[in-house]
Amino acid sequence: AKNTAYLQMNGLKPEDTAVYYCSAVDKGYGGPWL
């Protein structure tokens, strides 16, 4: 309804340091290949 996705990150570690990207696709099926 808000056209928004979230990533809640807890217990962050130094190795989590990175640029984080959001991505989207409108075809195919759900599964771990996502």
PDB file of all heavy atoms in Angstrom:
ATOM      1  N   ALA A   1       0.828  -1.209   0.000  1.00  0.00           N
ATOM      2  CA  ALA A   1       0.000   0.000   0.000  1.00  0.00           C
ATOM      3  C   ALA A   1       0.863   1.260   0.000  1.00  0.00           C
ATOM      4  O   ALA A   1       0.443   2.313  -0.480  1.00  0.00           O
ATOM      5  CB  ALA A   1      -0.930   0.002   1.207  1.00  0.00           C
ATOM      6  N   LYS A   2       2.067   1.146   0.552  1.00  0.00           N
ATOM      7  CA  LYS A   2       2.994   2.286   0.595  1.00  0.00           C
ATOM      8  C   LYS A   2       4.070   2.189  -0.473  1.00  0.00           C
ATOM      9  O   LYS A   2       4.991   3.019  -0.502  1.00  0.00           O
ATOM     10  CB  LYS A   2       3.647   2.370   1.978  1.00  0.00           C
ATOM     11  CG  LYS A   2       2.669   2.689   3.108  1.00  0.00           C
ATOM     12  CD  LYS A   2       3.396   2.818   4.432  1.00  0.00           C
ATOM     13  CE  LYS A   2       2.427   3.188   5.541  1.00  0.00           C
ATOM     14  NZ  LYS A   2       3.107   3.316   6.857  1.00  0.00           N
ATOM     15  N   ASN A   3       3.990   1.152  -1.318  1.00  0.00           N
ATOM     16  CA  ASN A   3       4.988   0.972  -2.384  1.00  0.00           C
ATOM     17  C   ASN A   3       6.412   0.953  -1.819  1.00  0.00           C
ATOM     18  O   ASN A   3       7.336   1.536  -2.411  1.00  0.00           O
ATOM     19  CB  ASN A   3       4.879   2.065  -3.443  1.00  0.00           C
ATOM     20  CG  ASN A   3       3.578   1.999  -4.214  1.00  0.00           C
ATOM     21  OD1 ASN A   3       2.971   0.942  -4.331  1.00  0.00           O
ATOM     22  ND2 ASN A   3       3.142   3.133  -4.733  1.00  0.00           N
ATOM     23  N   THR A   4       6.584   0.290  -0.695  1.00  0.00           N
ATOM     24  CA  THR A   4       7.870   0.309  -0.011  1.00  0.00           C
ATOM     25  C   THR A   4       8.240  -1.077   0.521  1.00  0.00           C
ATOM     26  O   THR A   4       7.369  -1.790   1.028  1.00  0.00           O
ATOM     27  CB  THR A   4       7.852   1.312   1.154  1.00  0.00           C
ATOM     28  OG1 THR A   4       7.496   2.606   0.664  1.00  0.00           O
ATOM     29  CG2 THR A   4       9.226   1.412   1.808  1.00  0.00           C
ATOM     30  N   ALA A   5       9.516  -1.400   0.382  1.00  0.00           N
ATOM     31  CA  ALA A   5      10.072  -2.599   0.995  1.00  0.00           C
ATOM     32  C   ALA A   5      11.095  -2.180   2.041  1.00  0.00           C
ATOM     33  O   ALA A   5      11.656  -1.077   1.959  1.00  0.00           O
ATOM     34  CB  ALA A   5      10.708  -3.498  -0.059  1.00  0.00           C
ATOM     35  N   TYR A   6      11.328  -3.069   2.993  1.00  0.00           N
ATOM     36  CA  TYR A   6      12.213  -2.737   4.103  1.00  0.00           C
ATOM     37  C   TYR A   6      13.220  -3.861   4.345  1.00  0.00           C
ATOM     38  O   TYR A   6      12.960  -5.026   4.023  1.00  0.00           O
ATOM     39  CB  TYR A   6      11.399  -2.523   5.381  1.00  0.00           C
ATOM     40  CG  TYR A   6      10.306  -1.510   5.255  1.00  0.00           C
ATOM     41  CD1 TYR A   6       8.998  -1.887   4.968  1.00  0.00           C
ATOM     42  CD2 TYR A   6      10.567  -0.149   5.420  1.00  0.00           C
ATOM     43  CE1 TYR A   6       7.982  -0.969   4.833  1.00  0.00           C
ATOM     44  CE2 TYR A   6       9.556   0.791   5.293  1.00  0.00           C
ATOM     45  CZ  TYR A   6       8.269   0.381   5.008  1.00  0.00           C
ATOM     46  OH  TYR A   6       7.280   1.311   4.879  1.00  0.00           O
ATOM     47  N   LEU A   7      14.327  -3.477   4.925  1.00  0.00           N
ATOM     48  CA  LEU A   7      15.281  -4.462   5.422  1.00  0.00           C
ATOM     49  C   LEU A   7      15.679  -4.015   6.825  1.00  0.00           C
ATOM     50  O   LEU A   7      16.398  -3.029   6.984  1.00  0.00           O
ATOM     51  CB  LEU A   7      16.517  -4.563   4.524  1.00  0.00           C
ATOM     52  CG  LEU A   7      17.516  -5.638   4.932  1.00  0.00           C
ATOM     53  CD1 LEU A   7      16.908  -7.037   4.735  1.00  0.00           C
ATOM     54  CD2 LEU A   7      18.822  -5.514   4.140  1.00  0.00           C
ATOM     55  N   GLN A   8      15.171  -4.728   7.816  1.00  0.00           N
ATOM     56  CA  GLN A   8      15.522  -4.461   9.204  1.00  0.00           C
ATOM     57  C   GLN A   8      16.793  -5.229   9.514  1.00  0.00           C
ATOM     58  O   GLN A   8      16.822  -6.455   9.368  1.00  0.00           O
ATOM     59  CB  GLN A   8      14.392  -4.887  10.137  1.00  0.00           C
ATOM     60  CG  GLN A   8      14.704  -4.702  11.613  1.00  0.00           C
ATOM     61  CD  GLN A   8      14.827  -3.242  12.005  1.00  0.00           C
ATOM     62  OE1 GLN A   8      14.013  -2.417  11.607  1.00  0.00           O
ATOM     63  NE2 GLN A   8      15.849  -2.918  12.803  1.00  0.00           N
ATOM     64  N   MET A   9      17.816  -4.518   9.948  1.00  0.00           N
ATOM     65  CA  MET A   9      19.110  -5.141  10.213  1.00  0.00           C
ATOM     66  C   MET A   9      19.452  -4.964  11.682  1.00  0.00           C
ATOM     67  O   MET A   9      19.610  -3.839  12.158  1.00  0.00           O
ATOM     68  CB  MET A   9      20.192  -4.508   9.334  1.00  0.00           C
ATOM     69  CG  MET A   9      19.852  -4.539   7.845  1.00  0.00           C
ATOM     70  SD  MET A   9      21.198  -3.972   6.797  1.00  0.00           S
ATOM     71  CE  MET A   9      21.290  -2.259   7.291  1.00  0.00           C
ATOM     72  N   ASN A  10      19.534  -6.063  12.390  1.00  0.00           N
ATOM     73  CA  ASN A  10      19.878  -6.070  13.809  1.00  0.00           C
ATOM     74  C   ASN A  10      21.196  -6.806  14.013  1.00  0.00           C
ATOM     75  O   ASN A  10      21.628  -7.582  13.159  1.00  0.00           O
ATOM     76  CB  ASN A  10      18.777  -6.752  14.611  1.00  0.00           C
ATOM     77  CG  ASN A  10      17.437  -6.061  14.470  1.00  0.00           C
ATOM     78  OD1 ASN A  10      17.351  -4.835  14.380  1.00  0.00           O
ATOM     79  ND2 ASN A  10      16.372  -6.851  14.453  1.00  0.00           N
ATOM     80  N   GLY A  11      21.815  -6.572  15.141  1.00  0.00           N
ATOM     81  CA  GLY A  11      23.065  -7.261  15.425  1.00  0.00           C
ATOM     82  C   GLY A  11      24.122  -7.045  14.367  1.00  0.00           C
ATOM     83  O   GLY A  11      24.832  -7.979  13.977  1.00  0.00           O
ATOM     84  N   LEU A  12      24.246  -5.816  13.909  1.00  0.00           N
ATOM     85  CA  LEU A  12      25.162  -5.531  12.805  1.00  0.00           C
ATOM     86  C   LEU A  12      26.612  -5.792  13.187  1.00  0.00           C
ATOM     87  O   LEU A  12      27.022  -5.560  14.339  1.00  0.00           O
ATOM     88  CB  LEU A  12      24.981  -4.098  12.331  1.00  0.00           C
ATOM     89  CG  LEU A  12      23.730  -3.889  11.461  1.00  0.00           C
ATOM     90  CD1 LEU A  12      23.359  -2.424  11.381  1.00  0.00           C
ATOM     91  CD2 LEU A  12      23.953  -4.462  10.063  1.00  0.00           C
ATOM     92  N   LYS A  13      27.363  -6.273  12.220  1.00  0.00           N
ATOM     93  CA  LYS A  13      28.771  -6.590  12.394  1.00  0.00           C
ATOM     94  C   LYS A  13      29.601  -5.761  11.422  1.00  0.00           C
ATOM     95  O   LYS A  13      29.082  -5.349  10.374  1.00  0.00           O
ATOM     96  CB  LYS A  13      29.014  -8.077  12.106  1.00  0.00           C
ATOM     97  CG  LYS A  13      28.136  -9.028  12.899  1.00  0.00           C
ATOM     98  CD  LYS A  13      28.344 -10.464  12.439  1.00  0.00           C
ATOM     99  CE  LYS A  13      27.452 -11.434  13.215  1.00  0.00           C
ATOM    100  NZ  LYS A  13      27.640 -12.837  12.753  1.00  0.00           N
ATOM    101  N   PRO A  14      30.867  -5.528  11.710  1.00  0.00           N
ATOM    102  CA  PRO A  14      31.711  -4.778  10.763  1.00  0.00           C
ATOM    103  C   PRO A  14      31.703  -5.384   9.364  1.00  0.00           C
ATOM    104  O   PRO A  14      31.765  -4.648   8.372  1.00  0.00           O
ATOM    105  CB  PRO A  14      33.090  -4.845  11.412  1.00  0.00           C
ATOM    106  CG  PRO A  14      32.810  -4.939  12.873  1.00  0.00           C
ATOM    107  CD  PRO A  14      31.573  -5.803  12.965  1.00  0.00           C
ATOM    108  N   GLU A  15      31.594  -6.686   9.266  1.00  0.00           N
ATOM    109  CA  GLU A  15      31.586  -7.333   7.946  1.00  0.00           C
ATOM    110  C   GLU A  15      30.286  -7.100   7.176  1.00  0.00           C
ATOM    111  O   GLU A  15      30.180  -7.478   6.005  1.00  0.00           O
ATOM    112  CB  GLU A  15      31.855  -8.840   8.068  1.00  0.00           C
ATOM    113  CG  GLU A  15      30.981  -9.559   9.070  1.00  0.00           C
ATOM    114  CD  GLU A  15      31.655  -9.722  10.425  1.00  0.00           C
ATOM    115  OE1 GLU A  15      32.277  -8.741  10.911  1.00  0.00           O
ATOM    116  OE2 GLU A  15      31.534 -10.824  10.993  1.00  0.00           O
ATOM    117  N   ASP A  16      29.292  -6.481   7.802  1.00  0.00           N
ATOM    118  CA  ASP A  16      28.077  -6.093   7.090  1.00  0.00           C
ATOM    119  C   ASP A  16      28.252  -4.771   6.344  1.00  0.00           C
ATOM    120  O   ASP A  16      27.345  -4.342   5.623  1.00  0.00           O
ATOM    121  CB  ASP A  16      26.898  -5.959   8.060  1.00  0.00           C
ATOM    122  CG  ASP A  16      26.494  -7.294   8.673  1.00  0.00           C
ATOM    123  OD1 ASP A  16      26.469  -8.305   7.937  1.00  0.00           O
ATOM    124  OD2 ASP A  16      26.203  -7.314   9.876  1.00  0.00           O
ATOM    125  N   THR A  17      29.383  -4.126   6.532  1.00  0.00           N
ATOM    126  CA  THR A  17      29.654  -2.864   5.847  1.00  0.00           C
ATOM    127  C   THR A  17      29.655  -3.070   4.341  1.00  0.00           C
ATOM    128  O   THR A  17      30.376  -3.924   3.810  1.00  0.00           O
ATOM    129  CB  THR A  17      31.013  -2.295   6.292  1.00  0.00           C
ATOM    130  OG1 THR A  17      30.938  -1.951   7.678  1.00  0.00           O
ATOM    131  CG2 THR A  17      31.381  -1.066   5.476  1.00  0.00           C
ATOM    132  N   ALA A  18      28.820  -2.300   3.651  1.00  0.00           N
ATOM    133  CA  ALA A  18      28.670  -2.450   2.202  1.00  0.00           C
ATOM    134  C   ALA A  18      27.684  -1.406   1.700  1.00  0.00           C
ATOM    135  O   ALA A  18      27.021  -0.729   2.488  1.00  0.00           O
ATOM    136  CB  ALA A  18      28.149  -3.848   1.859  1.00  0.00           C
ATOM    137  N   VAL A  19      27.600  -1.296   0.388  1.00  0.00           N
ATOM    138  CA  VAL A  19      26.498  -0.566  -0.236  1.00  0.00           C
ATOM    139  C   VAL A  19      25.363  -1.556  -0.423  1.00  0.00           C
ATOM    140  O   VAL A  19      25.570  -2.641  -0.986  1.00  0.00           O
ATOM    141  CB  VAL A  19      26.917   0.053  -1.576  1.00  0.00           C
ATOM    142  CG1 VAL A  19      25.720   0.744  -2.227  1.00  0.00           C
ATOM    143  CG2 VAL A  19      28.070   1.032  -1.385  1.00  0.00           C
ATOM    144  N   TYR A  20      24.199  -1.192   0.047  1.00  0.00           N
ATOM    145  CA  TYR A  20      23.029  -2.070  -0.036  1.00  0.00           C
ATOM    146  C   TYR A  20      22.111  -1.588  -1.150  1.00  0.00           C
ATOM    147  O   TYR A  20      21.788  -0.391  -1.224  1.00  0.00           O
ATOM    148  CB  TYR A  20      22.296  -2.095   1.303  1.00  0.00           C
ATOM    149  CG  TYR A  20      22.985  -2.963   2.325  1.00  0.00           C
ATOM    150  CD1 TYR A  20      24.193  -2.553   2.899  1.00  0.00           C
ATOM    151  CD2 TYR A  20      22.480  -4.200   2.696  1.00  0.00           C
ATOM    152  CE1 TYR A  20      24.854  -3.360   3.814  1.00  0.00           C
ATOM    153  CE2 TYR A  20      23.125  -5.011   3.608  1.00  0.00           C
ATOM    154  CZ  TYR A  20      24.317  -4.581   4.167  1.00  0.00           C
ATOM    155  OH  TYR A  20      24.975  -5.383   5.080  1.00  0.00           O
ATOM    156  N   TYR A  21      21.698  -2.534  -1.973  1.00  0.00           N
ATOM    157  CA  TYR A  21      20.862  -2.233  -3.129  1.00  0.00           C
ATOM    158  C   TYR A  21      19.522  -2.936  -3.033  1.00  0.00           C
ATOM    159  O   TYR A  21      19.448  -4.104  -2.630  1.00  0.00           O
ATOM    160  CB  TYR A  21      21.543  -2.690  -4.417  1.00  0.00           C
ATOM    161  CG  TYR A  21      22.852  -2.029  -4.725  1.00  0.00           C
ATOM    162  CD1 TYR A  21      24.051  -2.557  -4.253  1.00  0.00           C
ATOM    163  CD2 TYR A  21      22.897  -0.865  -5.486  1.00  0.00           C
ATOM    164  CE1 TYR A  21      25.269  -1.949  -4.538  1.00  0.00           C
ATOM    165  CE2 TYR A  21      24.104  -0.256  -5.778  1.00  0.00           C
ATOM    166  CZ  TYR A  21      25.285  -0.800  -5.297  1.00  0.00           C
ATOM    167  OH  TYR A  21      26.480  -0.188  -5.587  1.00  0.00           O
ATOM    168  N   CYS A  22      18.504  -2.235  -3.458  1.00  0.00           N
ATOM    169  CA  CYS A  22      17.178  -2.810  -3.604  1.00  0.00           C
ATOM    170  C   CYS A  22      16.997  -3.207  -5.068  1.00  0.00           C
ATOM    171  O   CYS A  22      17.486  -2.508  -5.970  1.00  0.00           O
ATOM    172  CB  CYS A  22      16.141  -1.773  -3.195  1.00  0.00           C
ATOM    173  SG  CYS A  22      14.435  -2.267  -3.424  1.00  0.00           S
ATOM    174  N   SER A  23      16.290  -4.301  -5.300  1.00  0.00           N
ATOM    175  CA  SER A  23      16.080  -4.768  -6.660  1.00  0.00           C
ATOM    176  C   SER A  23      14.655  -5.281  -6.812  1.00  0.00           C
ATOM    177  O   SER A  23      14.010  -5.632  -5.814  1.00  0.00           O
ATOM    178  CB  SER A  23      17.079  -5.869  -7.004  1.00  0.00           C
ATOM    179  OG  SER A  23      16.947  -6.942  -6.088  1.00  0.00           O
ATOM    180  N   ALA A  24      14.185  -5.346  -8.052  1.00  0.00           N
ATOM    181  CA  ALA A  24      12.815  -5.791  -8.298  1.00  0.00           C
ATOM    182  C   ALA A  24      12.723  -6.504  -9.642  1.00  0.00           C
ATOM    183  O   ALA A  24      13.482  -6.205 -10.572  1.00  0.00           O
ATOM    184  CB  ALA A  24      11.858  -4.601  -8.265  1.00  0.00           C
ATOM    185  N   VAL A  25      11.795  -7.431  -9.719  1.00  0.00           N
ATOM    186  CA  VAL A  25      11.510  -8.137 -10.967  1.00  0.00           C
ATOM    187  C   VAL A  25      10.035  -8.511 -10.952  1.00  0.00           C
ATOM    188  O   VAL A  25       9.481  -8.847  -9.894  1.00  0.00           O
ATOM    189  CB  VAL A  25      12.410  -9.382 -11.126  1.00  0.00           C
ATOM    190  CG1 VAL A  25      12.147 -10.406 -10.039  1.00  0.00           C
ATOM    191  CG2 VAL A  25      12.255 -10.001 -12.509  1.00  0.00           C
ATOM    192  N   ASP A  26       9.406  -8.476 -12.130  1.00  0.00           N
ATOM    193  CA  ASP A  26       7.966  -8.720 -12.187  1.00  0.00           C
ATOM    194  C   ASP A  26       7.622  -9.987 -12.953  1.00  0.00           C
ATOM    195  O   ASP A  26       6.470 -10.163 -13.368  1.00  0.00           O
ATOM    196  CB  ASP A  26       7.248  -7.525 -12.800  1.00  0.00           C
ATOM    197  CG  ASP A  26       7.690  -7.250 -14.233  1.00  0.00           C
ATOM    198  OD1 ASP A  26       8.692  -7.840 -14.679  1.00  0.00           O
ATOM    199  OD2 ASP A  26       7.025  -6.445 -14.900  1.00  0.00           O
ATOM    200  N   LYS A  27       8.586 -10.875 -13.147  1.00  0.00           N
ATOM    201  CA  LYS A  27       8.316 -12.121 -13.843  1.00  0.00           C
ATOM    202  C   LYS A  27       8.929 -13.280 -13.079  1.00  0.00           C
ATOM    203  O   LYS A  27       9.720 -13.088 -12.162  1.00  0.00           O
ATOM    204  CB  LYS A  27       8.868 -12.084 -15.270  1.00  0.00           C
ATOM    205  CG  LYS A  27      10.371 -11.822 -15.365  1.00  0.00           C
ATOM    206  CD  LYS A  27      10.804 -11.754 -16.817  1.00  0.00           C
ATOM    207  CE  LYS A  27      12.319 -11.598 -16.935  1.00  0.00           C
ATOM    208  NZ  LYS A  27      12.747 -10.256 -16.547  1.00  0.00           N
ATOM    209  N   GLY A  28       8.541 -14.479 -13.477  1.00  0.00           N
ATOM    210  CA  GLY A  28       9.101 -15.655 -12.840  1.00  0.00           C
ATOM    211  C   GLY A  28       8.310 -16.057 -11.607  1.00  0.00           C
ATOM    212  O   GLY A  28       7.172 -15.631 -11.389  1.00  0.00           O
ATOM    213  N   TYR A  29       8.960 -16.891 -10.796  1.00  0.00           N
ATOM    214  CA  TYR A  29       8.311 -17.438  -9.615  1.00  0.00           C
ATOM    215  C   TYR A  29       9.178 -17.197  -8.392  1.00  0.00           C
ATOM    216  O   TYR A  29      10.375 -16.987  -8.487  1.00  0.00           O
ATOM    217  CB  TYR A  29       8.101 -18.945  -9.791  1.00  0.00           C
ATOM    218  CG  TYR A  29       7.205 -19.271 -10.956  1.00  0.00           C
ATOM    219  CD1 TYR A  29       7.747 -19.495 -12.225  1.00  0.00           C
ATOM    220  CD2 TYR A  29       5.830 -19.344 -10.804  1.00  0.00           C
ATOM    221  CE1 TYR A  29       6.936 -19.786 -13.304  1.00  0.00           C
ATOM    222  CE2 TYR A  29       5.015 -19.640 -11.871  1.00  0.00           C
ATOM    223  CZ  TYR A  29       5.567 -19.849 -13.122  1.00  0.00           C
ATOM    224  OH  TYR A  29       4.767 -20.131 -14.185  1.00  0.00           O
ATOM    225  N   GLY A  30       8.554 -17.207  -7.233  1.00  0.00           N
ATOM    226  CA  GLY A  30       9.291 -17.062  -5.997  1.00  0.00           C
ATOM    227  C   GLY A  30      10.113 -18.289  -5.704  1.00  0.00           C
ATOM    228  O   GLY A  30       9.772 -19.388  -6.117  1.00  0.00           O
ATOM    229  N   GLY A  31      11.198 -18.082  -4.979  1.00  0.00           N
ATOM    230  CA  GLY A  31      12.067 -19.190  -4.609  1.00  0.00           C
ATOM    231  C   GLY A  31      13.427 -18.668  -4.217  1.00  0.00           C
ATOM    232  O   GLY A  31      13.708 -17.479  -4.334  1.00  0.00           O
ATOM    233  N   PRO A  32      14.296 -19.558  -3.708  1.00  0.00           N
ATOM    234  CA  PRO A  32      15.624 -19.114  -3.250  1.00  0.00           C
ATOM    235  C   PRO A  32      16.509 -18.548  -4.349  1.00  0.00           C
ATOM    236  O   PRO A  32      17.508 -17.886  -4.048  1.00  0.00           O
ATOM    237  CB  PRO A  32      16.222 -20.407  -2.665  1.00  0.00           C
ATOM    238  CG  PRO A  32      15.418 -21.519  -3.228  1.00  0.00           C
ATOM    239  CD  PRO A  32      14.052 -20.983  -3.483  1.00  0.00           C
ATOM    240  N   TRP A  33      16.123 -18.780  -5.617  1.00  0.00           N
ATOM    241  CA  TRP A  33      16.900 -18.172  -6.709  1.00  0.00           C
ATOM    242  C   TRP A  33      16.768 -16.666  -6.700  1.00  0.00           C
ATOM    243  O   TRP A  33      17.512 -15.985  -7.399  1.00  0.00           O
ATOM    244  CB  TRP A  33      16.470 -18.731  -8.064  1.00  0.00           C
ATOM    245  CG  TRP A  33      15.002 -18.762  -8.246  1.00  0.00           C
ATOM    246  CD1 TRP A  33      14.188 -17.774  -8.678  1.00  0.00           C
ATOM    247  CD2 TRP A  33      14.154 -19.883  -7.953  1.00  0.00           C
ATOM    248  NE1 TRP A  33      12.893 -18.196  -8.677  1.00  0.00           N
ATOM    249  CE2 TRP A  33      12.832 -19.488  -8.248  1.00  0.00           C
ATOM    250  CE3 TRP A  33      14.384 -21.183  -7.478  1.00  0.00           C
ATOM    251  CZ2 TRP A  33      11.757 -20.344  -8.087  1.00  0.00           C
ATOM    252  CZ3 TRP A  33      13.314 -22.036  -7.320  1.00  0.00           C
ATOM    253  CH2 TRP A  33      12.015 -21.610  -7.616  1.00  0.00           C
ATOM    254  N   LEU A  34      15.852 -16.125  -5.943  1.00  0.00           N
ATOM    255  CA  LEU A  34      15.718 -14.671  -5.822  1.00  0.00           C
ATOM    256  C   LEU A  34      16.892 -14.046  -5.075  1.00  0.00           C
ATOM    257  O   LEU A  34      16.975 -12.834  -4.955  1.00  0.00           O
ATOM    258  CB  LEU A  34      14.413 -14.305  -5.127  1.00  0.00           C
ATOM    259  CG  LEU A  34      13.143 -14.560  -5.937  1.00  0.00           C
ATOM    260  CD1 LEU A  34      11.916 -14.274  -5.094  1.00  0.00           C
ATOM    261  CD2 LEU A  34      13.117 -13.728  -7.208  1.00  0.00           C
TER     262      LEU A  34
END
